Each structure stands twice: as C-alpha cells, then as structure tokens.
Amino acid sequence: MEQTTRAPVFEILIWSGAGFAVLGLLGLIWCISTVWRARRAKLPDEEMRAVMASVLPRNLGALFISVLGLMLVVLGVFMG
C-alpha cells in the first residue's frame, strides 16, 4: 500500500482557507449579534436604519471573506 502525502503548499492553502472561513464566520456572528441587540433595544426607526447601514458593509465583507476561505479549501483539496 502506498501512502500518499500532500504537498505542503496545498496543506497551507487548506489551513489558511479554513482560517479565513472561520474569520468570516466570526464576522457574521458579530453582525447578527449587533443587529439583534439593536432590535431588542427597540430603537426608533431612524436609529435602527443607522445601525443597519453601519452593519451592512461589514456583513458583506465577512461573507466575502468566508466564501473566499471556502474556495481556498476546495481548491487545496482538489489540487492536492
């Protein structure tokens, strides 16, 4: 039986991708908790819109980082 080993480059790609995915997931959790706290505070409509407007770019950035990390993991698995 032959034992196959992955190239270190692809292992680094997989682990860095997993790190990015976790970082993006933490960002998404932060966005959810921020909006949840704002909703529970029963803010007026204008303040709620301000909170949502400040969270939206961070939400999109966290989603992008998470997707980028998952793409790196898939690329590392397929290429390795």
N, C-alpha and C. Protein backbone atom coordinates (compact mmCIF):
# COMPACT_ATOMS: atom_id res chain seq x y z
N MET A 1 0.83 -1.18 0.00
CA MET A 1 0.00 0.00 0.00
C MET A 1 0.88 1.24 0.00
N GLU A 2 0.58 2.10 -0.92
CA GLU A 2 1.32 3.34 -0.99
C GLU A 2 0.65 4.40 -0.14
N GLN A 3 1.49 5.17 0.50
CA GLN A 3 0.96 6.24 1.31
C GLN A 3 1.14 7.55 0.54
N THR A 4 0.03 8.23 0.29
CA THR A 4 0.13 9.48 -0.46
C THR A 4 0.26 10.64 0.53
N THR A 5 1.11 11.56 0.18
CA THR A 5 1.28 12.75 1.00
C THR A 5 0.93 13.97 0.17
N ARG A 6 0.38 14.94 0.82
CA ARG A 6 0.04 16.18 0.15
C ARG A 6 1.25 17.09 0.12
N ALA A 7 1.30 17.89 -0.90
CA ALA A 7 2.36 18.89 -0.96
C ALA A 7 2.12 19.92 0.14
N PRO A 8 3.16 20.40 0.77
CA PRO A 8 2.97 21.37 1.85
C PRO A 8 2.25 22.64 1.40
N VAL A 9 2.40 23.00 0.14
CA VAL A 9 1.75 24.21 -0.36
C VAL A 9 0.24 24.05 -0.29
N PHE A 10 -0.26 22.91 -0.66
CA PHE A 10 -1.70 22.70 -0.65
C PHE A 10 -2.24 22.55 0.77
N GLU A 11 -1.43 21.99 1.66
CA GLU A 11 -1.85 21.93 3.06
C GLU A 11 -1.96 23.33 3.65
N ILE A 12 -1.01 24.18 3.31
CA ILE A 12 -1.06 25.57 3.76
C ILE A 12 -2.29 26.25 3.17
N LEU A 13 -2.60 25.96 1.93
CA LEU A 13 -3.78 26.53 1.27
C LEU A 13 -5.06 26.10 1.98
N ILE A 14 -5.13 24.85 2.35
CA ILE A 14 -6.32 24.33 3.05
C ILE A 14 -6.47 24.98 4.42
N TRP A 15 -5.38 25.04 5.20
CA TRP A 15 -5.48 25.59 6.55
C TRP A 15 -5.68 27.10 6.55
N SER A 16 -5.08 27.79 5.60
CA SER A 16 -5.32 29.24 5.53
C SER A 16 -6.75 29.50 5.09
N GLY A 17 -7.27 28.68 4.18
CA GLY A 17 -8.66 28.81 3.78
C GLY A 17 -9.62 28.55 4.93
N ALA A 18 -9.30 27.56 5.74
CA ALA A 18 -10.13 27.28 6.92
C ALA A 18 -10.08 28.45 7.90
N GLY A 19 -8.91 29.05 8.04
CA GLY A 19 -8.79 30.22 8.90
C GLY A 19 -9.62 31.39 8.41
N PHE A 20 -9.58 31.63 7.09
CA PHE A 20 -10.40 32.69 6.51
C PHE A 20 -11.89 32.40 6.71
N ALA A 21 -12.27 31.15 6.53
CA ALA A 21 -13.68 30.79 6.69
C ALA A 21 -14.14 31.02 8.13
N VAL A 22 -13.31 30.67 9.09
CA VAL A 22 -13.65 30.89 10.49
C VAL A 22 -13.70 32.38 10.81
N LEU A 23 -12.76 33.14 10.26
CA LEU A 23 -12.74 34.58 10.47
C LEU A 23 -14.02 35.22 9.90
N GLY A 24 -14.42 34.79 8.72
CA GLY A 24 -15.66 35.29 8.13
C GLY A 24 -16.88 34.89 8.95
N LEU A 25 -16.87 33.68 9.47
CA LEU A 25 -17.98 33.23 10.30
C LEU A 25 -18.08 34.04 11.58
N LEU A 26 -16.95 34.36 12.18
CA LEU A 26 -16.96 35.21 13.37
C LEU A 26 -17.50 36.61 13.05
N GLY A 27 -17.14 37.12 11.88
CA GLY A 27 -17.68 38.40 11.45
C GLY A 27 -19.18 38.37 11.26
N LEU A 28 -19.68 37.29 10.69
CA LEU A 28 -21.13 37.14 10.51
C LEU A 28 -21.84 37.04 11.85
N ILE A 29 -21.25 36.33 12.79
CA ILE A 29 -21.84 36.22 14.13
C ILE A 29 -21.87 37.59 14.80
N TRP A 30 -20.80 38.37 14.62
CA TRP A 30 -20.77 39.72 15.18
C TRP A 30 -21.89 40.58 14.59
N CYS A 31 -22.09 40.49 13.26
CA CYS A 31 -23.16 41.26 12.61
C CYS A 31 -24.53 40.86 13.15
N ILE A 32 -24.76 39.57 13.29
CA ILE A 32 -26.05 39.09 13.80
C ILE A 32 -26.28 39.58 15.21
N SER A 33 -25.25 39.50 16.05
CA SER A 33 -25.44 39.93 17.45
C SER A 33 -25.65 41.44 17.54
N THR A 34 -25.00 42.22 16.69
CA THR A 34 -25.18 43.67 16.71
C THR A 34 -26.60 44.05 16.34
N VAL A 35 -27.12 43.45 15.29
CA VAL A 35 -28.49 43.75 14.86
C VAL A 35 -29.49 43.22 15.89
N TRP A 36 -29.22 42.08 16.46
CA TRP A 36 -30.11 41.50 17.46
C TRP A 36 -30.22 42.42 18.69
N ARG A 37 -29.05 42.93 19.13
CA ARG A 37 -29.07 43.86 20.27
C ARG A 37 -29.83 45.13 19.93
N ALA A 38 -29.69 45.61 18.71
CA ALA A 38 -30.41 46.82 18.30
C ALA A 38 -31.92 46.58 18.26
N ARG A 39 -32.31 45.40 17.82
CA ARG A 39 -33.75 45.08 17.77
C ARG A 39 -34.32 44.94 19.17
N ARG A 40 -33.57 44.33 20.06
CA ARG A 40 -34.06 44.16 21.43
C ARG A 40 -34.11 45.48 22.19
N ALA A 41 -33.30 46.46 21.76
CA ALA A 41 -33.31 47.77 22.40
C ALA A 41 -34.51 48.61 21.95
N LYS A 42 -35.24 48.11 20.94
CA LYS A 42 -36.41 48.80 20.41
C LYS A 42 -36.08 50.25 20.04
N LEU A 43 -35.05 50.39 19.22
CA LEU A 43 -34.63 51.71 18.78
C LEU A 43 -35.66 52.33 17.84
N PRO A 44 -35.70 53.64 17.79
CA PRO A 44 -36.58 54.29 16.81
C PRO A 44 -36.13 53.94 15.38
N ASP A 45 -37.02 54.15 14.45
CA ASP A 45 -36.78 53.72 13.07
C ASP A 45 -35.50 54.32 12.49
N GLU A 46 -35.27 55.59 12.74
CA GLU A 46 -34.10 56.26 12.17
C GLU A 46 -32.80 55.70 12.75
N GLU A 47 -32.76 55.43 14.04
CA GLU A 47 -31.56 54.86 14.66
C GLU A 47 -31.34 53.42 14.21
N MET A 48 -32.44 52.69 14.05
CA MET A 48 -32.33 51.30 13.57
C MET A 48 -31.76 51.28 12.15
N ARG A 49 -32.21 52.20 11.33
CA ARG A 49 -31.65 52.28 9.97
C ARG A 49 -30.17 52.62 10.00
N ALA A 50 -29.75 53.46 10.93
CA ALA A 50 -28.33 53.81 11.05
C ALA A 50 -27.51 52.59 11.47
N VAL A 51 -28.05 51.80 12.39
CA VAL A 51 -27.34 50.59 12.81
C VAL A 51 -27.23 49.61 11.63
N MET A 52 -28.33 49.44 10.93
CA MET A 52 -28.32 48.52 9.78
C MET A 52 -27.37 49.00 8.69
N ALA A 53 -27.33 50.32 8.48
CA ALA A 53 -26.43 50.86 7.45
C ALA A 53 -24.96 50.68 7.84
N SER A 54 -24.66 50.72 9.12
CA SER A 54 -23.27 50.52 9.54
C SER A 54 -22.88 49.04 9.54
N VAL A 55 -23.84 48.15 9.72
CA VAL A 55 -23.54 46.72 9.77
C VAL A 55 -23.46 46.11 8.37
N LEU A 56 -24.20 46.66 7.43
CA LEU A 56 -24.28 46.06 6.09
C LEU A 56 -22.92 45.88 5.41
N PRO A 57 -22.04 46.90 5.35
CA PRO A 57 -20.74 46.66 4.69
C PRO A 57 -19.90 45.60 5.41
N ARG A 58 -19.97 45.58 6.73
CA ARG A 58 -19.21 44.57 7.47
C ARG A 58 -19.78 43.18 7.22
N ASN A 59 -21.09 43.09 7.09
CA ASN A 59 -21.73 41.82 6.81
C ASN A 59 -21.29 41.30 5.44
N LEU A 60 -21.30 42.17 4.46
CA LEU A 60 -20.87 41.76 3.12
C LEU A 60 -19.38 41.39 3.10
N GLY A 61 -18.57 42.14 3.84
CA GLY A 61 -17.15 41.82 3.92
C GLY A 61 -16.90 40.48 4.60
N ALA A 62 -17.63 40.21 5.67
CA ALA A 62 -17.47 38.93 6.36
C ALA A 62 -17.93 37.77 5.48
N LEU A 63 -19.00 37.98 4.75
CA LEU A 63 -19.47 36.95 3.83
C LEU A 63 -18.45 36.69 2.73
N PHE A 64 -17.85 37.76 2.20
CA PHE A 64 -16.83 37.62 1.17
C PHE A 64 -15.62 36.85 1.70
N ILE A 65 -15.17 37.19 2.89
CA ILE A 65 -14.00 36.51 3.48
C ILE A 65 -14.32 35.03 3.70
N SER A 66 -15.52 34.74 4.16
CA SER A 66 -15.91 33.36 4.39
C SER A 66 -15.96 32.56 3.08
N VAL A 67 -16.54 33.15 2.06
CA VAL A 67 -16.61 32.46 0.76
C VAL A 67 -15.22 32.28 0.18
N LEU A 68 -14.37 33.29 0.31
CA LEU A 68 -13.01 33.19 -0.18
C LEU A 68 -12.26 32.05 0.54
N GLY A 69 -12.46 31.95 1.84
CA GLY A 69 -11.83 30.86 2.59
C GLY A 69 -12.31 29.50 2.16
N LEU A 70 -13.61 29.37 1.94
CA LEU A 70 -14.13 28.08 1.49
C LEU A 70 -13.63 27.73 0.09
N MET A 71 -13.48 28.75 -0.75
CA MET A 71 -12.93 28.49 -2.09
C MET A 71 -11.48 28.02 -2.00
N LEU A 72 -10.71 28.60 -1.09
CA LEU A 72 -9.32 28.16 -0.90
C LEU A 72 -9.26 26.72 -0.42
N VAL A 73 -10.16 26.36 0.49
CA VAL A 73 -10.19 24.98 0.99
C VAL A 73 -10.51 24.01 -0.14
N VAL A 74 -11.51 24.32 -0.93
CA VAL A 74 -11.89 23.44 -2.04
C VAL A 74 -10.75 23.35 -3.06
N LEU A 75 -10.14 24.47 -3.36
CA LEU A 75 -9.02 24.46 -4.30
C LEU A 75 -7.85 23.62 -3.77
N GLY A 76 -7.55 23.76 -2.49
CA GLY A 76 -6.46 22.97 -1.91
C GLY A 76 -6.76 21.48 -1.89
N VAL A 77 -8.01 21.12 -1.64
CA VAL A 77 -8.38 19.69 -1.63
C VAL A 77 -8.32 19.11 -3.03
N PHE A 78 -8.86 19.84 -4.01
CA PHE A 78 -8.87 19.32 -5.38
C PHE A 78 -7.46 19.28 -5.99
N MET A 79 -6.65 20.27 -5.72
CA MET A 79 -5.32 20.33 -6.32
C MET A 79 -4.34 19.42 -5.58
N GLY A 80 -4.60 19.18 -4.30
CA GLY A 80 -3.68 18.37 -3.50
C GLY A 80 -3.98 16.95 -3.67
